[in-house]
């Protein structure tokens, strides 16, 4: 049984990594807008603008969560069994975004995003090490 999330980044292009990074940067910004405290010193018009901004940020956050789930489905290979709901089947097709929504426990969803980000960073580091090693080999030739 796997104790960690496994990803296969050979399935995706650089565009995937760029979009993943953009989403991971945008989510905290949207959360800050959504959960910003009320300000008593605003006019009614300014207060309405803040409320509209919060609604728009919430809508955008939902879109990014859906997109993030689709991106994860493109690279996920395994998820630890203990991260899954009790009724999850033994064999799961992680390439289907609905599997993530249906079988990953709610309290582990943030952990899954973090694990995919860590795996992405590790894959990028390994790629840079391989490129550096290859460049040194070329210099010696």
C-alpha atoms as a PDB file:
ATOM      1  CA  UNK A   1       0.000   0.000   0.000  1.00  0.00           C
ATOM      2  CA  UNK A   2       1.316   3.421  -0.960  1.00  0.00           C
ATOM      3  CA  UNK A   3       1.979   5.873   1.861  1.00  0.00           C
ATOM      4  CA  UNK A   4       2.346   8.878  -0.416  1.00  0.00           C
ATOM      5  CA  UNK A   5       0.854  10.545  -3.442  1.00  0.00           C
ATOM      6  CA  UNK A   6       2.441   9.462  -6.704  1.00  0.00           C
ATOM      7  CA  UNK A   7       2.342  11.653  -9.793  1.00  0.00           C
ATOM      8  CA  UNK A   8       3.499  11.162 -13.374  1.00  0.00           C
ATOM      9  CA  UNK A   9       4.514  14.480 -14.885  1.00  0.00           C
ATOM     10  CA  UNK A  10       5.616  12.857 -18.157  1.00  0.00           C
ATOM     11  CA  UNK A  11       1.933  13.079 -19.091  1.00  0.00           C
ATOM     12  CA  UNK A  12       1.880  16.893 -19.141  1.00  0.00           C
ATOM     13  CA  UNK A  13       3.700  19.785 -20.772  1.00  0.00           C
ATOM     14  CA  UNK A  14       5.295  22.883 -19.351  1.00  0.00           C
ATOM     15  CA  UNK A  15       1.980  24.682 -19.857  1.00  0.00           C
ATOM     16  CA  UNK A  16       0.515  22.406 -17.146  1.00  0.00           C
ATOM     17  CA  UNK A  17       3.205  23.512 -14.664  1.00  0.00           C
ATOM     18  CA  UNK A  18       2.715  27.169 -15.466  1.00  0.00           C
ATOM     19  CA  UNK A  19      -1.041  26.937 -14.997  1.00  0.00           C
ATOM     20  CA  UNK A  20      -0.679  24.896 -11.791  1.00  0.00           C
ATOM     21  CA  UNK A  21       1.639  27.558 -10.360  1.00  0.00           C
ATOM     22  CA  UNK A  22      -0.720  30.369 -11.375  1.00  0.00           C
ATOM     23  CA  UNK A  23      -3.635  28.683  -9.635  1.00  0.00           C
ATOM     24  CA  UNK A  24      -1.622  28.036  -6.475  1.00  0.00           C
ATOM     25  CA  UNK A  25      -0.659  31.725  -6.418  1.00  0.00           C
ATOM     26  CA  UNK A  26      -4.176  32.992  -7.127  1.00  0.00           C
ATOM     27  CA  UNK A  27      -6.054  30.932  -4.535  1.00  0.00           C
ATOM     28  CA  UNK A  28      -4.597  32.676  -1.440  1.00  0.00           C
ATOM     29  CA  UNK A  29      -5.287  36.073  -2.982  1.00  0.00           C
ATOM     30  CA  UNK A  30      -8.925  35.169  -3.585  1.00  0.00           C
ATOM     31  CA  UNK A  31      -9.227  33.747  -0.081  1.00  0.00           C
ATOM     32  CA  UNK A  32      -7.951  37.032   1.317  1.00  0.00           C
ATOM     33  CA  UNK A  33     -10.638  38.932  -0.598  1.00  0.00           C
ATOM     34  CA  UNK A  34     -13.389  36.521   0.412  1.00  0.00           C
ATOM     35  CA  UNK A  35     -12.504  36.511   4.107  1.00  0.00           C
ATOM     36  CA  UNK A  36     -11.481  40.134   4.513  1.00  0.00           C
ATOM     37  CA  UNK A  37     -13.155  41.648   7.568  1.00  0.00           C
ATOM     38  CA  UNK A  38     -15.986  44.119   7.184  1.00  0.00           C
ATOM     39  CA  UNK A  39     -15.056  47.775   7.364  1.00  0.00           C
ATOM     40  CA  UNK A  40     -17.425  50.104   9.155  1.00  0.00           C
ATOM     41  CA  UNK A  41     -15.995  53.273   7.635  1.00  0.00           C
ATOM     42  CA  UNK A  42     -17.128  52.538   4.058  1.00  0.00           C
ATOM     43  CA  UNK A  43     -19.968  54.288   2.296  1.00  0.00           C
ATOM     44  CA  UNK A  44     -22.927  52.221   1.128  1.00  0.00           C
ATOM     45  CA  UNK A  45     -21.587  52.270  -2.443  1.00  0.00           C
ATOM     46  CA  UNK A  46     -18.113  51.190  -1.320  1.00  0.00           C
ATOM     47  CA  UNK A  47     -19.638  48.449   0.831  1.00  0.00           C
ATOM     48  CA  UNK A  48     -21.634  47.192  -2.163  1.00  0.00           C
ATOM     49  CA  UNK A  49     -18.428  47.132  -4.255  1.00  0.00           C
ATOM     50  CA  UNK A  50     -16.712  45.074  -1.564  1.00  0.00           C
ATOM     51  CA  UNK A  51     -19.614  42.619  -1.488  1.00  0.00           C
ATOM     52  CA  UNK A  52     -19.581  42.304  -5.297  1.00  0.00           C
ATOM     53  CA  UNK A  53     -15.812  41.739  -5.191  1.00  0.00           C
ATOM     54  CA  UNK A  54     -16.310  38.989  -2.603  1.00  0.00           C
ATOM     55  CA  UNK A  55     -18.974  37.293  -4.724  1.00  0.00           C
ATOM     56  CA  UNK A  56     -16.767  37.494  -7.819  1.00  0.00           C
ATOM     57  CA  UNK A  57     -13.767  36.184  -5.872  1.00  0.00           C
ATOM     58  CA  UNK A  58     -15.847  33.265  -4.602  1.00  0.00           C
ATOM     59  CA  UNK A  59     -16.983  32.425  -8.137  1.00  0.00           C
ATOM     60  CA  UNK A  60     -13.415  32.616  -9.433  1.00  0.00           C
ATOM     61  CA  UNK A  61     -12.195  30.452  -6.537  1.00  0.00           C
ATOM     62  CA  UNK A  62     -14.738  27.770  -7.441  1.00  0.00           C
ATOM     63  CA  UNK A  63     -13.545  27.883 -11.061  1.00  0.00           C
ATOM     64  CA  UNK A  64      -9.922  27.530  -9.962  1.00  0.00           C
ATOM     65  CA  UNK A  65     -10.770  24.603  -7.693  1.00  0.00           C
ATOM     66  CA  UNK A  66     -12.453  22.843 -10.614  1.00  0.00           C
ATOM     67  CA  UNK A  67      -9.484  23.577 -12.871  1.00  0.00           C
ATOM     68  CA  UNK A  68      -7.036  22.452 -10.200  1.00  0.00           C
ATOM     69  CA  UNK A  69      -8.942  19.176  -9.830  1.00  0.00           C
ATOM     70  CA  UNK A  70      -8.754  18.618 -13.605  1.00  0.00           C
ATOM     71  CA  UNK A  71      -5.029  19.370 -13.577  1.00  0.00           C
ATOM     72  CA  UNK A  72      -4.440  16.932 -10.706  1.00  0.00           C
ATOM     73  CA  UNK A  73      -6.334  14.238 -12.609  1.00  0.00           C
ATOM     74  CA  UNK A  74      -3.820  14.594 -15.445  1.00  0.00           C
ATOM     75  CA  UNK A  75      -0.868  13.611 -13.228  1.00  0.00           C
ATOM     76  CA  UNK A  76      -2.203  11.566 -10.276  1.00  0.00           C
ATOM     77  CA  UNK A  77      -1.212   7.908 -10.187  1.00  0.00           C
ATOM     78  CA  UNK A  78      -1.840   6.926  -6.552  1.00  0.00           C
ATOM     79  CA  UNK A  79      -3.330   8.448  -3.428  1.00  0.00           C
ATOM     80  CA  UNK A  80      -2.836   6.914   0.034  1.00  0.00           C
ATOM     81  CA  UNK A  81      -5.748   4.683   0.992  1.00  0.00           C
ATOM     82  CA  UNK A  82      -6.098   6.451   4.343  1.00  0.00           C
ATOM     83  CA  UNK A  83      -6.874   9.681   2.442  1.00  0.00           C
ATOM     84  CA  UNK A  84      -9.943   8.109   0.856  1.00  0.00           C
ATOM     85  CA  UNK A  85     -13.519   7.782   1.994  1.00  0.00           C
ATOM     86  CA  UNK A  86     -14.443   4.368   3.404  1.00  0.00           C
ATOM     87  CA  UNK A  87     -16.573   3.372   0.412  1.00  0.00           C
ATOM     88  CA  UNK A  88     -13.848   4.082  -2.181  1.00  0.00           C
ATOM     89  CA  UNK A  89     -13.223   1.096  -4.461  1.00  0.00           C
ATOM     90  CA  UNK A  90      -9.883  -0.708  -4.448  1.00  0.00           C
ATOM     91  CA  UNK A  91      -9.145   0.345  -8.025  1.00  0.00           C
ATOM     92  CA  UNK A  92      -9.641   4.021  -8.858  1.00  0.00           C
ATOM     93  CA  UNK A  93      -9.124   5.782 -12.173  1.00  0.00           C
ATOM     94  CA  UNK A  94      -7.345   8.926 -10.990  1.00  0.00           C
ATOM     95  CA  UNK A  95      -7.361  10.347 -14.526  1.00  0.00           C
ATOM     96  CA  UNK A  96     -11.065  11.022 -13.997  1.00  0.00           C
ATOM     97  CA  UNK A  97     -11.487  14.307 -12.050  1.00  0.00           C
ATOM     98  CA  UNK A  98     -14.706  12.944 -10.532  1.00  0.00           C
ATOM     99  CA  UNK A  99     -12.629  10.288  -8.743  1.00  0.00           C
ATOM    100  CA  UNK A 100     -10.851  13.047  -6.826  1.00  0.00           C
ATOM    101  CA  UNK A 101     -14.157  14.668  -5.931  1.00  0.00           C
ATOM    102  CA  UNK A 102     -15.882  11.380  -5.105  1.00  0.00           C
ATOM    103  CA  UNK A 103     -13.186   9.464  -3.218  1.00  0.00           C
ATOM    104  CA  UNK A 104     -10.715  11.836  -1.544  1.00  0.00           C
ATOM    105  CA  UNK A 105     -11.838  12.738   1.964  1.00  0.00           C
ATOM    106  CA  UNK A 106     -12.771  16.391   2.377  1.00  0.00           C
ATOM    107  CA  UNK A 107     -10.302  16.848   5.222  1.00  0.00           C
ATOM    108  CA  UNK A 108      -7.476  15.583   2.960  1.00  0.00           C
ATOM    109  CA  UNK A 109      -8.206  17.718  -0.102  1.00  0.00           C
ATOM    110  CA  UNK A 110      -5.740  20.446   0.887  1.00  0.00           C
ATOM    111  CA  UNK A 111      -3.141  17.773   1.670  1.00  0.00           C
ATOM    112  CA  UNK A 112      -3.633  16.363  -1.828  1.00  0.00           C
ATOM    113  CA  UNK A 113      -3.044  19.755  -3.453  1.00  0.00           C
ATOM    114  CA  UNK A 114       0.060  20.215  -1.311  1.00  0.00           C
ATOM    115  CA  UNK A 115       1.333  16.725  -2.178  1.00  0.00           C
ATOM    116  CA  UNK A 116       0.908  17.369  -5.910  1.00  0.00           C
ATOM    117  CA  UNK A 117       2.760  20.693  -5.520  1.00  0.00           C
ATOM    118  CA  UNK A 118       5.603  19.001  -3.628  1.00  0.00           C
ATOM    119  CA  UNK A 119       5.796  16.254  -6.265  1.00  0.00           C
ATOM    120  CA  UNK A 120       5.870  18.902  -8.997  1.00  0.00           C
ATOM    121  CA  UNK A 121       8.714  20.747  -7.264  1.00  0.00           C
ATOM    122  CA  UNK A 122      10.666  17.499  -6.800  1.00  0.00           C
ATOM    123  CA  UNK A 123      10.188  16.593 -10.460  1.00  0.00           C
ATOM    124  CA  UNK A 124      11.383  20.053 -11.491  1.00  0.00           C
ATOM    125  CA  UNK A 125      14.460  19.761  -9.256  1.00  0.00           C
ATOM    126  CA  UNK A 126      15.251  16.338 -10.681  1.00  0.00           C
ATOM    127  CA  UNK A 127      14.876  17.696 -14.201  1.00  0.00           C
ATOM    128  CA  UNK A 128      17.273  20.561 -13.454  1.00  0.00           C
ATOM    129  CA  UNK A 129      19.798  18.156 -11.931  1.00  0.00           C
ATOM    130  CA  UNK A 130      19.572  15.936 -15.005  1.00  0.00           C
ATOM    131  CA  UNK A 131      19.990  18.937 -17.334  1.00  0.00           C
ATOM    132  CA  UNK A 132      22.982  20.173 -15.327  1.00  0.00           C
ATOM    133  CA  UNK A 133      24.578  16.717 -15.376  1.00  0.00           C
ATOM    134  CA  UNK A 134      24.003  16.408 -19.118  1.00  0.00           C
ATOM    135  CA  UNK A 135      25.526  19.855 -19.742  1.00  0.00           C
ATOM    136  CA  UNK A 136      28.640  18.894 -17.756  1.00  0.00           C
ATOM    137  CA  UNK A 137      28.967  15.693 -19.764  1.00  0.00           C
ATOM    138  CA  UNK A 138      28.721  17.678 -22.997  1.00  0.00           C
ATOM    139  CA  UNK A 139      31.460  20.075 -21.818  1.00  0.00           C
ATOM    140  CA  UNK A 140      33.821  17.171 -21.205  1.00  0.00           C
ATOM    141  CA  UNK A 141      33.236  15.792 -24.684  1.00  0.00           C
END
